[in-house]
mmCIF file of all heavy atoms, coordinates in Angstrom:
data_MODEL
# 
_entry.id   MODEL 
# 
loop_
_atom_site.group_PDB 
_atom_site.id 
_atom_site.type_symbol 
_atom_site.label_atom_id 
_atom_site.label_alt_id 
_atom_site.label_comp_id 
_atom_site.label_asym_id 
_atom_site.label_entity_id 
_atom_site.label_seq_id 
_atom_site.pdbx_PDB_ins_code 
_atom_site.Cartn_x 
_atom_site.Cartn_y 
_atom_site.Cartn_z 
_atom_site.occupancy 
_atom_site.B_iso_or_equiv 
_atom_site.pdbx_formal_charge 
_atom_site.auth_seq_id 
_atom_site.auth_comp_id 
_atom_site.auth_asym_id 
_atom_site.auth_atom_id 
_atom_site.pdbx_PDB_model_num 
ATOM 1   N N   . GLN A 1 1  ? 292.145 211.491 9.162  1.00 0.00 ? 1  GLN A N   1 
ATOM 2   C CA  . GLN A 1 1  ? 290.950 212.147 9.430  1.00 0.00 ? 1  GLN A CA  1 
ATOM 3   C C   . GLN A 1 1  ? 289.954 211.835 8.220  1.00 0.00 ? 1  GLN A C   1 
ATOM 4   O O   . GLN A 1 1  ? 290.196 212.202 7.131  1.00 0.00 ? 1  GLN A O   1 
ATOM 5   C CB  . GLN A 1 1  ? 291.147 213.633 9.462  1.00 0.00 ? 1  GLN A CB  1 
ATOM 6   C CG  . GLN A 1 1  ? 289.883 214.452 9.766  1.00 0.00 ? 1  GLN A CG  1 
ATOM 7   C CD  . GLN A 1 1  ? 290.144 215.956 10.038 1.00 0.00 ? 1  GLN A CD  1 
ATOM 8   O OE1 . GLN A 1 1  ? 291.242 216.349 10.433 1.00 0.00 ? 1  GLN A OE1 1 
ATOM 9   N NE2 . GLN A 1 1  ? 289.214 216.699 9.619  1.00 0.00 ? 1  GLN A NE2 1 
ATOM 10  N N   . ARG A 1 2  ? 288.955 211.125 8.627  1.00 0.00 ? 2  ARG A N   1 
ATOM 11  C CA  . ARG A 1 2  ? 287.886 210.910 7.572  1.00 0.00 ? 2  ARG A CA  1 
ATOM 12  C C   . ARG A 1 2  ? 287.157 212.135 7.226  1.00 0.00 ? 2  ARG A C   1 
ATOM 13  O O   . ARG A 1 2  ? 286.697 212.900 8.065  1.00 0.00 ? 2  ARG A O   1 
ATOM 14  C CB  . ARG A 1 2  ? 286.928 209.785 8.072  1.00 0.00 ? 2  ARG A CB  1 
ATOM 15  C CG  . ARG A 1 2  ? 285.844 209.383 7.018  1.00 0.00 ? 2  ARG A CG  1 
ATOM 16  C CD  . ARG A 1 2  ? 284.747 208.545 7.690  1.00 0.00 ? 2  ARG A CD  1 
ATOM 17  N NE  . ARG A 1 2  ? 285.195 207.219 8.112  1.00 0.00 ? 2  ARG A NE  1 
ATOM 18  C CZ  . ARG A 1 2  ? 285.098 206.213 7.379  1.00 0.00 ? 2  ARG A CZ  1 
ATOM 19  N NH1 . ARG A 1 2  ? 284.589 206.227 6.202  1.00 0.00 ? 2  ARG A NH1 1 
ATOM 20  N NH2 . ARG A 1 2  ? 285.553 205.134 7.868  1.00 0.00 ? 2  ARG A NH2 1 
ATOM 21  N N   . THR A 1 3  ? 286.965 212.448 5.953  1.00 0.00 ? 3  THR A N   1 
ATOM 22  C CA  . THR A 1 3  ? 286.255 213.593 5.538  1.00 0.00 ? 3  THR A CA  1 
ATOM 23  C C   . THR A 1 3  ? 285.701 213.402 4.092  1.00 0.00 ? 3  THR A C   1 
ATOM 24  O O   . THR A 1 3  ? 285.994 212.292 3.392  1.00 0.00 ? 3  THR A O   1 
ATOM 25  C CB  . THR A 1 3  ? 287.244 214.812 5.570  1.00 0.00 ? 3  THR A CB  1 
ATOM 26  O OG1 . THR A 1 3  ? 286.577 216.059 5.367  1.00 0.00 ? 3  THR A OG1 1 
ATOM 27  C CG2 . THR A 1 3  ? 288.309 214.660 4.481  1.00 0.00 ? 3  THR A CG2 1 
ATOM 28  N N   . THR A 1 4  ? 284.996 214.371 3.625  1.00 0.00 ? 4  THR A N   1 
ATOM 29  C CA  . THR A 1 4  ? 284.587 214.447 2.210  1.00 0.00 ? 4  THR A CA  1 
ATOM 30  C C   . THR A 1 4  ? 285.669 215.320 1.482  1.00 0.00 ? 4  THR A C   1 
ATOM 31  O O   . THR A 1 4  ? 285.844 216.513 1.763  1.00 0.00 ? 4  THR A O   1 
ATOM 32  C CB  . THR A 1 4  ? 283.113 215.126 2.069  1.00 0.00 ? 4  THR A CB  1 
ATOM 33  O OG1 . THR A 1 4  ? 282.278 214.373 2.822  1.00 0.00 ? 4  THR A OG1 1 
ATOM 34  C CG2 . THR A 1 4  ? 282.797 215.092 0.606  1.00 0.00 ? 4  THR A CG2 1 
ATOM 35  N N   . ILE A 1 5  ? 286.404 214.660 0.662  1.00 0.00 ? 5  ILE A N   1 
ATOM 36  C CA  . ILE A 1 5  ? 287.553 215.294 -0.048 1.00 0.00 ? 5  ILE A CA  1 
ATOM 37  C C   . ILE A 1 5  ? 286.928 216.524 -0.921 1.00 0.00 ? 5  ILE A C   1 
ATOM 38  O O   . ILE A 1 5  ? 286.080 216.252 -1.767 1.00 0.00 ? 5  ILE A O   1 
ATOM 39  C CB  . ILE A 1 5  ? 288.282 214.356 -0.884 1.00 0.00 ? 5  ILE A CB  1 
ATOM 40  C CG1 . ILE A 1 5  ? 288.869 213.170 -0.063 1.00 0.00 ? 5  ILE A CG1 1 
ATOM 41  C CG2 . ILE A 1 5  ? 289.457 215.049 -1.622 1.00 0.00 ? 5  ILE A CG2 1 
ATOM 42  C CD1 . ILE A 1 5  ? 289.743 213.567 1.017  1.00 0.00 ? 5  ILE A CD1 1 
ATOM 43  N N   . GLN A 1 6  ? 287.523 217.618 -0.782 1.00 0.00 ? 6  GLN A N   1 
ATOM 44  C CA  . GLN A 1 6  ? 287.103 218.824 -1.539 1.00 0.00 ? 6  GLN A CA  1 
ATOM 45  C C   . GLN A 1 6  ? 288.302 219.550 -2.063 1.00 0.00 ? 6  GLN A C   1 
ATOM 46  O O   . GLN A 1 6  ? 289.505 219.114 -1.888 1.00 0.00 ? 6  GLN A O   1 
ATOM 47  C CB  . GLN A 1 6  ? 286.239 219.844 -0.657 1.00 0.00 ? 6  GLN A CB  1 
ATOM 48  C CG  . GLN A 1 6  ? 284.979 219.118 -0.176 1.00 0.00 ? 6  GLN A CG  1 
ATOM 49  C CD  . GLN A 1 6  ? 283.936 218.901 -1.312 1.00 0.00 ? 6  GLN A CD  1 
ATOM 50  O OE1 . GLN A 1 6  ? 284.077 219.473 -2.360 1.00 0.00 ? 6  GLN A OE1 1 
ATOM 51  N NE2 . GLN A 1 6  ? 282.950 218.027 -0.980 1.00 0.00 ? 6  GLN A NE2 1 
ATOM 52  N N   . THR A 1 7  ? 288.081 220.660 -2.837 1.00 0.00 ? 7  THR A N   1 
ATOM 53  C CA  . THR A 1 7  ? 289.176 221.441 -3.432 1.00 0.00 ? 7  THR A CA  1 
ATOM 54  C C   . THR A 1 7  ? 290.215 221.814 -2.453 1.00 0.00 ? 7  THR A C   1 
ATOM 55  O O   . THR A 1 7  ? 291.387 221.759 -2.733 1.00 0.00 ? 7  THR A O   1 
ATOM 56  C CB  . THR A 1 7  ? 288.543 222.767 -4.132 1.00 0.00 ? 7  THR A CB  1 
ATOM 57  O OG1 . THR A 1 7  ? 287.563 222.352 -5.023 1.00 0.00 ? 7  THR A OG1 1 
ATOM 58  C CG2 . THR A 1 7  ? 289.634 223.478 -4.859 1.00 0.00 ? 7  THR A CG2 1 
ATOM 59  N N   . ASP A 1 8  ? 289.821 222.253 -1.251 1.00 0.00 ? 8  ASP A N   1 
ATOM 60  C CA  . ASP A 1 8  ? 290.767 222.695 -0.204 1.00 0.00 ? 8  ASP A CA  1 
ATOM 61  C C   . ASP A 1 8  ? 291.785 221.645 0.038  1.00 0.00 ? 8  ASP A C   1 
ATOM 62  O O   . ASP A 1 8  ? 292.907 221.919 0.339  1.00 0.00 ? 8  ASP A O   1 
ATOM 63  C CB  . ASP A 1 8  ? 290.077 223.224 1.028  1.00 0.00 ? 8  ASP A CB  1 
ATOM 64  C CG  . ASP A 1 8  ? 289.485 224.626 0.902  1.00 0.00 ? 8  ASP A CG  1 
ATOM 65  O OD1 . ASP A 1 8  ? 289.869 225.249 -0.025 1.00 0.00 ? 8  ASP A OD1 1 
ATOM 66  O OD2 . ASP A 1 8  ? 288.608 224.983 1.635  1.00 0.00 ? 8  ASP A OD2 1 
ATOM 67  N N   . HIS A 1 9  ? 291.359 220.483 0.171  1.00 0.00 ? 9  HIS A N   1 
ATOM 68  C CA  . HIS A 1 9  ? 292.246 219.370 0.498  1.00 0.00 ? 9  HIS A CA  1 
ATOM 69  C C   . HIS A 1 9  ? 293.330 219.109 -0.558 1.00 0.00 ? 9  HIS A C   1 
ATOM 70  O O   . HIS A 1 9  ? 294.549 218.818 -0.245 1.00 0.00 ? 9  HIS A O   1 
ATOM 71  C CB  . HIS A 1 9  ? 291.470 218.072 0.747  1.00 0.00 ? 9  HIS A CB  1 
ATOM 72  C CG  . HIS A 1 9  ? 290.483 218.048 1.877  1.00 0.00 ? 9  HIS A CG  1 
ATOM 73  N ND1 . HIS A 1 9  ? 289.096 218.266 1.594  1.00 0.00 ? 9  HIS A ND1 1 
ATOM 74  C CD2 . HIS A 1 9  ? 290.613 218.122 3.264  1.00 0.00 ? 9  HIS A CD2 1 
ATOM 75  C CE1 . HIS A 1 9  ? 288.457 218.394 2.787  1.00 0.00 ? 9  HIS A CE1 1 
ATOM 76  N NE2 . HIS A 1 9  ? 289.341 218.267 3.731  1.00 0.00 ? 9  HIS A NE2 1 
ATOM 77  N N   . ILE A 1 10 ? 293.043 219.327 -1.709 1.00 0.00 ? 10 ILE A N   1 
ATOM 78  C CA  . ILE A 1 10 ? 293.893 219.178 -2.845 1.00 0.00 ? 10 ILE A CA  1 
ATOM 79  C C   . ILE A 1 10 ? 294.877 220.292 -2.941 1.00 0.00 ? 10 ILE A C   1 
ATOM 80  O O   . ILE A 1 10 ? 296.094 220.137 -3.021 1.00 0.00 ? 10 ILE A O   1 
ATOM 81  C CB  . ILE A 1 10 ? 293.196 219.004 -4.224 1.00 0.00 ? 10 ILE A CB  1 
ATOM 82  C CG1 . ILE A 1 10 ? 292.079 217.930 -4.177 1.00 0.00 ? 10 ILE A CG1 1 
ATOM 83  C CG2 . ILE A 1 10 ? 294.281 218.780 -5.371 1.00 0.00 ? 10 ILE A CG2 1 
ATOM 84  C CD1 . ILE A 1 10 ? 292.675 216.591 -3.813 1.00 0.00 ? 10 ILE A CD1 1 
ATOM 85  N N   . LEU A 1 11 ? 294.397 221.553 -2.746 1.00 0.00 ? 11 LEU A N   1 
ATOM 86  C CA  . LEU A 1 11 ? 295.182 222.679 -2.590 1.00 0.00 ? 11 LEU A CA  1 
ATOM 87  C C   . LEU A 1 11 ? 296.105 222.672 -1.470 1.00 0.00 ? 11 LEU A C   1 
ATOM 88  O O   . LEU A 1 11 ? 297.344 222.991 -1.606 1.00 0.00 ? 11 LEU A O   1 
ATOM 89  C CB  . LEU A 1 11 ? 294.355 223.921 -2.561 1.00 0.00 ? 11 LEU A CB  1 
ATOM 90  C CG  . LEU A 1 11 ? 293.547 224.289 -3.821 1.00 0.00 ? 11 LEU A CG  1 
ATOM 91  C CD1 . LEU A 1 11 ? 292.461 225.445 -3.473 1.00 0.00 ? 11 LEU A CD1 1 
ATOM 92  C CD2 . LEU A 1 11 ? 294.437 224.730 -4.975 1.00 0.00 ? 11 LEU A CD2 1 
ATOM 93  N N   . ALA A 1 12 ? 295.696 222.270 -0.352 1.00 0.00 ? 12 ALA A N   1 
ATOM 94  C CA  . ALA A 1 12 ? 296.519 222.096 0.835  1.00 0.00 ? 12 ALA A CA  1 
ATOM 95  C C   . ALA A 1 12 ? 297.688 221.100 0.642  1.00 0.00 ? 12 ALA A C   1 
ATOM 96  O O   . ALA A 1 12 ? 298.857 221.389 0.892  1.00 0.00 ? 12 ALA A O   1 
ATOM 97  C CB  . ALA A 1 12 ? 295.651 221.635 2.128  1.00 0.00 ? 12 ALA A CB  1 
ATOM 98  N N   . SER A 1 13 ? 297.338 219.879 0.036  1.00 0.00 ? 13 SER A N   1 
ATOM 99  C CA  . SER A 1 13 ? 298.388 218.954 -0.143 1.00 0.00 ? 13 SER A CA  1 
ATOM 100 C C   . SER A 1 13 ? 299.474 219.434 -1.091 1.00 0.00 ? 13 SER A C   1 
ATOM 101 O O   . SER A 1 13 ? 300.612 218.975 -1.010 1.00 0.00 ? 13 SER A O   1 
ATOM 102 C CB  . SER A 1 13 ? 297.689 217.674 -0.750 1.00 0.00 ? 13 SER A CB  1 
ATOM 103 O OG  . SER A 1 13 ? 298.714 216.712 -0.987 1.00 0.00 ? 13 SER A OG  1 
ATOM 104 N N   . SER A 1 14 ? 299.041 220.277 -2.100 1.00 0.00 ? 14 SER A N   1 
ATOM 105 C CA  . SER A 1 14 ? 299.999 220.739 -3.086 1.00 0.00 ? 14 SER A CA  1 
ATOM 106 C C   . SER A 1 14 ? 300.506 222.114 -2.838 1.00 0.00 ? 14 SER A C   1 
ATOM 107 O O   . SER A 1 14 ? 301.141 222.676 -3.715 1.00 0.00 ? 14 SER A O   1 
ATOM 108 C CB  . SER A 1 14 ? 299.316 220.692 -4.443 1.00 0.00 ? 14 SER A CB  1 
ATOM 109 O OG  . SER A 1 14 ? 298.153 221.349 -4.475 1.00 0.00 ? 14 SER A OG  1 
ATOM 110 N N   . ALA A 1 15 ? 300.366 222.695 -1.582 1.00 0.00 ? 15 ALA A N   1 
ATOM 111 C CA  . ALA A 1 15 ? 300.806 223.974 -1.304 1.00 0.00 ? 15 ALA A CA  1 
ATOM 112 C C   . ALA A 1 15 ? 302.333 223.979 -1.036 1.00 0.00 ? 15 ALA A C   1 
ATOM 113 O O   . ALA A 1 15 ? 302.876 223.930 0.072  1.00 0.00 ? 15 ALA A O   1 
ATOM 114 C CB  . ALA A 1 15 ? 300.139 224.508 -0.095 1.00 0.00 ? 15 ALA A CB  1 
ATOM 115 N N   . LEU A 1 16 ? 303.143 224.067 -2.042 1.00 0.00 ? 16 LEU A N   1 
ATOM 116 C CA  . LEU A 1 16 ? 304.604 224.121 -2.041 1.00 0.00 ? 16 LEU A CA  1 
ATOM 117 C C   . LEU A 1 16 ? 305.136 225.194 -1.073 1.00 0.00 ? 16 LEU A C   1 
ATOM 118 O O   . LEU A 1 16 ? 304.802 226.359 -1.296 1.00 0.00 ? 16 LEU A O   1 
ATOM 119 C CB  . LEU A 1 16 ? 305.123 224.261 -3.446 1.00 0.00 ? 16 LEU A CB  1 
ATOM 120 C CG  . LEU A 1 16 ? 306.670 224.085 -3.568 1.00 0.00 ? 16 LEU A CG  1 
ATOM 121 C CD1 . LEU A 1 16 ? 307.072 222.612 -3.350 1.00 0.00 ? 16 LEU A CD1 1 
ATOM 122 C CD2 . LEU A 1 16 ? 307.087 224.615 -4.949 1.00 0.00 ? 16 LEU A CD2 1 
ATOM 123 N N   . PRO A 1 17 ? 305.789 224.881 -0.090 1.00 0.00 ? 17 PRO A N   1 
ATOM 124 C CA  . PRO A 1 17 ? 306.251 225.866 1.009  1.00 0.00 ? 17 PRO A CA  1 
ATOM 125 C C   . PRO A 1 17 ? 307.107 226.964 0.385  1.00 0.00 ? 17 PRO A C   1 
ATOM 126 O O   . PRO A 1 17 ? 307.951 226.708 -0.544 1.00 0.00 ? 17 PRO A O   1 
ATOM 127 C CB  . PRO A 1 17 ? 306.988 225.041 2.018  1.00 0.00 ? 17 PRO A CB  1 
ATOM 128 C CG  . PRO A 1 17 ? 307.422 223.825 1.341  1.00 0.00 ? 17 PRO A CG  1 
ATOM 129 C CD  . PRO A 1 17 ? 306.395 223.499 0.339  1.00 0.00 ? 17 PRO A CD  1 
ATOM 130 N N   . LEU A 1 18 ? 306.899 228.229 0.827  1.00 0.00 ? 18 LEU A N   1 
ATOM 131 C CA  . LEU A 1 18 ? 307.651 229.405 0.515  1.00 0.00 ? 18 LEU A CA  1 
ATOM 132 C C   . LEU A 1 18 ? 307.075 229.920 -0.870 1.00 0.00 ? 18 LEU A C   1 
ATOM 133 O O   . LEU A 1 18 ? 307.009 231.167 -1.081 1.00 0.00 ? 18 LEU A O   1 
ATOM 134 C CB  . LEU A 1 18 ? 309.141 229.099 0.288  1.00 0.00 ? 18 LEU A CB  1 
ATOM 135 C CG  . LEU A 1 18 ? 309.863 228.710 1.528  1.00 0.00 ? 18 LEU A CG  1 
ATOM 136 C CD1 . LEU A 1 18 ? 311.329 228.541 1.195  1.00 0.00 ? 18 LEU A CD1 1 
ATOM 137 C CD2 . LEU A 1 18 ? 309.693 229.602 2.654  1.00 0.00 ? 18 LEU A CD2 1 
ATOM 138 N N   . PHE A 1 19 ? 306.586 228.975 -1.808 1.00 0.00 ? 19 PHE A N   1 
ATOM 139 C CA  . PHE A 1 19 ? 306.138 229.517 -3.029 1.00 0.00 ? 19 PHE A CA  1 
ATOM 140 C C   . PHE A 1 19 ? 304.536 229.521 -3.060 1.00 0.00 ? 19 PHE A C   1 
ATOM 141 O O   . PHE A 1 19 ? 304.014 230.563 -3.554 1.00 0.00 ? 19 PHE A O   1 
ATOM 142 C CB  . PHE A 1 19 ? 306.575 228.609 -4.112 1.00 0.00 ? 19 PHE A CB  1 
ATOM 143 C CG  . PHE A 1 19 ? 308.081 228.693 -4.386 1.00 0.00 ? 19 PHE A CG  1 
ATOM 144 C CD1 . PHE A 1 19 ? 308.900 227.790 -3.754 1.00 0.00 ? 19 PHE A CD1 1 
ATOM 145 C CD2 . PHE A 1 19 ? 308.519 229.667 -5.180 1.00 0.00 ? 19 PHE A CD2 1 
ATOM 146 C CE1 . PHE A 1 19 ? 310.300 227.885 -4.076 1.00 0.00 ? 19 PHE A CE1 1 
ATOM 147 C CE2 . PHE A 1 19 ? 309.893 229.807 -5.358 1.00 0.00 ? 19 PHE A CE2 1 
ATOM 148 C CZ  . PHE A 1 19 ? 310.819 228.845 -4.764 1.00 0.00 ? 19 PHE A CZ  1 
ATOM 149 N N   . PHE A 1 20 ? 303.804 228.603 -2.491 1.00 0.00 ? 20 PHE A N   1 
ATOM 150 C CA  . PHE A 1 20 ? 302.346 228.593 -2.536 1.00 0.00 ? 20 PHE A CA  1 
ATOM 151 C C   . PHE A 1 20 ? 301.750 228.824 -1.132 1.00 0.00 ? 20 PHE A C   1 
ATOM 152 O O   . PHE A 1 20 ? 302.394 228.508 -0.106 1.00 0.00 ? 20 PHE A O   1 
ATOM 153 C CB  . PHE A 1 20 ? 301.830 227.269 -3.013 1.00 0.00 ? 20 PHE A CB  1 
ATOM 154 C CG  . PHE A 1 20 ? 302.179 226.877 -4.460 1.00 0.00 ? 20 PHE A CG  1 
ATOM 155 C CD1 . PHE A 1 20 ? 301.908 225.657 -5.014 1.00 0.00 ? 20 PHE A CD1 1 
ATOM 156 C CD2 . PHE A 1 20 ? 302.834 227.823 -5.273 1.00 0.00 ? 20 PHE A CD2 1 
ATOM 157 C CE1 . PHE A 1 20 ? 302.281 225.316 -6.252 1.00 0.00 ? 20 PHE A CE1 1 
ATOM 158 C CE2 . PHE A 1 20 ? 303.262 227.577 -6.644 1.00 0.00 ? 20 PHE A CE2 1 
ATOM 159 C CZ  . PHE A 1 20 ? 302.898 226.270 -7.096 1.00 0.00 ? 20 PHE A CZ  1 
ATOM 160 N N   . PRO A 1 21 ? 300.683 229.521 -1.038 1.00 0.00 ? 21 PRO A N   1 
ATOM 161 C CA  . PRO A 1 21 ? 300.035 229.818 0.182  1.00 0.00 ? 21 PRO A CA  1 
ATOM 162 C C   . PRO A 1 21 ? 299.462 228.624 0.963  1.00 0.00 ? 21 PRO A C   1 
ATOM 163 O O   . PRO A 1 21 ? 299.082 227.722 0.337  1.00 0.00 ? 21 PRO A O   1 
ATOM 164 C CB  . PRO A 1 21 ? 298.976 230.893 -0.158 1.00 0.00 ? 21 PRO A CB  1 
ATOM 165 C CG  . PRO A 1 21 ? 298.475 230.485 -1.452 1.00 0.00 ? 21 PRO A CG  1 
ATOM 166 C CD  . PRO A 1 21 ? 299.792 230.055 -2.226 1.00 0.00 ? 21 PRO A CD  1 
ATOM 167 N N   . THR A 1 22 ? 299.428 228.744 2.302  1.00 0.00 ? 22 THR A N   1 
ATOM 168 C CA  . THR A 1 22 ? 298.809 227.673 2.977  1.00 0.00 ? 22 THR A CA  1 
ATOM 169 C C   . THR A 1 22 ? 297.236 227.711 2.848  1.00 0.00 ? 22 THR A C   1 
ATOM 170 O O   . THR A 1 22 ? 296.696 228.634 2.273  1.00 0.00 ? 22 THR A O   1 
ATOM 171 C CB  . THR A 1 22 ? 299.101 227.773 4.480  1.00 0.00 ? 22 THR A CB  1 
ATOM 172 O OG1 . THR A 1 22 ? 298.582 229.045 4.988  1.00 0.00 ? 22 THR A OG1 1 
ATOM 173 C CG2 . THR A 1 22 ? 300.577 227.666 4.778  1.00 0.00 ? 22 THR A CG2 1 
ATOM 174 N N   . VAL A 1 23 ? 296.592 226.498 3.178  1.00 0.00 ? 23 VAL A N   1 
ATOM 175 C CA  . VAL A 1 23 ? 295.222 226.543 2.994  1.00 0.00 ? 23 VAL A CA  1 
ATOM 176 C C   . VAL A 1 23 ? 294.530 226.193 4.393  1.00 0.00 ? 23 VAL A C   1 
ATOM 177 O O   . VAL A 1 23 ? 294.998 225.340 5.111  1.00 0.00 ? 23 VAL A O   1 
ATOM 178 C CB  . VAL A 1 23 ? 294.774 225.383 2.060  1.00 0.00 ? 23 VAL A CB  1 
ATOM 179 C CG1 . VAL A 1 23 ? 293.272 225.228 1.920  1.00 0.00 ? 23 VAL A CG1 1 
ATOM 180 C CG2 . VAL A 1 23 ? 295.400 225.661 0.623  1.00 0.00 ? 23 VAL A CG2 1 
ATOM 181 N N   . ALA A 1 24 ? 293.572 227.043 4.771  1.00 0.00 ? 24 ALA A N   1 
ATOM 182 C CA  . ALA A 1 24 ? 292.902 226.903 6.095  1.00 0.00 ? 24 ALA A CA  1 
ATOM 183 C C   . ALA A 1 24 ? 291.730 225.857 5.980  1.00 0.00 ? 24 ALA A C   1 
ATOM 184 O O   . ALA A 1 24 ? 290.881 225.926 5.096  1.00 0.00 ? 24 ALA A O   1 
ATOM 185 C CB  . ALA A 1 24 ? 292.300 228.215 6.499  1.00 0.00 ? 24 ALA A CB  1 
ATOM 186 N N   . ILE A 1 25 ? 291.916 224.823 6.779  1.00 0.00 ? 25 ILE A N   1 
ATOM 187 C CA  . ILE A 1 25 ? 290.885 223.807 6.936  1.00 0.00 ? 25 ILE A CA  1 
ATOM 188 C C   . ILE A 1 25 ? 290.419 223.690 8.386  1.00 0.00 ? 25 ILE A C   1 
ATOM 189 O O   . ILE A 1 25 ? 291.302 223.335 9.227  1.00 0.00 ? 25 ILE A O   1 
ATOM 190 C CB  . ILE A 1 25 ? 291.314 222.421 6.348  1.00 0.00 ? 25 ILE A CB  1 
ATOM 191 C CG1 . ILE A 1 25 ? 291.659 222.573 4.844  1.00 0.00 ? 25 ILE A CG1 1 
ATOM 192 C CG2 . ILE A 1 25 ? 290.247 221.357 6.483  1.00 0.00 ? 25 ILE A CG2 1 
ATOM 193 C CD1 . ILE A 1 25 ? 292.243 221.313 4.273  1.00 0.00 ? 25 ILE A CD1 1 
# 
């Protein structure tokens, strides 16, 4: 998906399951 990379994309990619929350995009 082409997009303008922002903070949410980095947070989503690094959201370790069970430990870090998911990110809504």
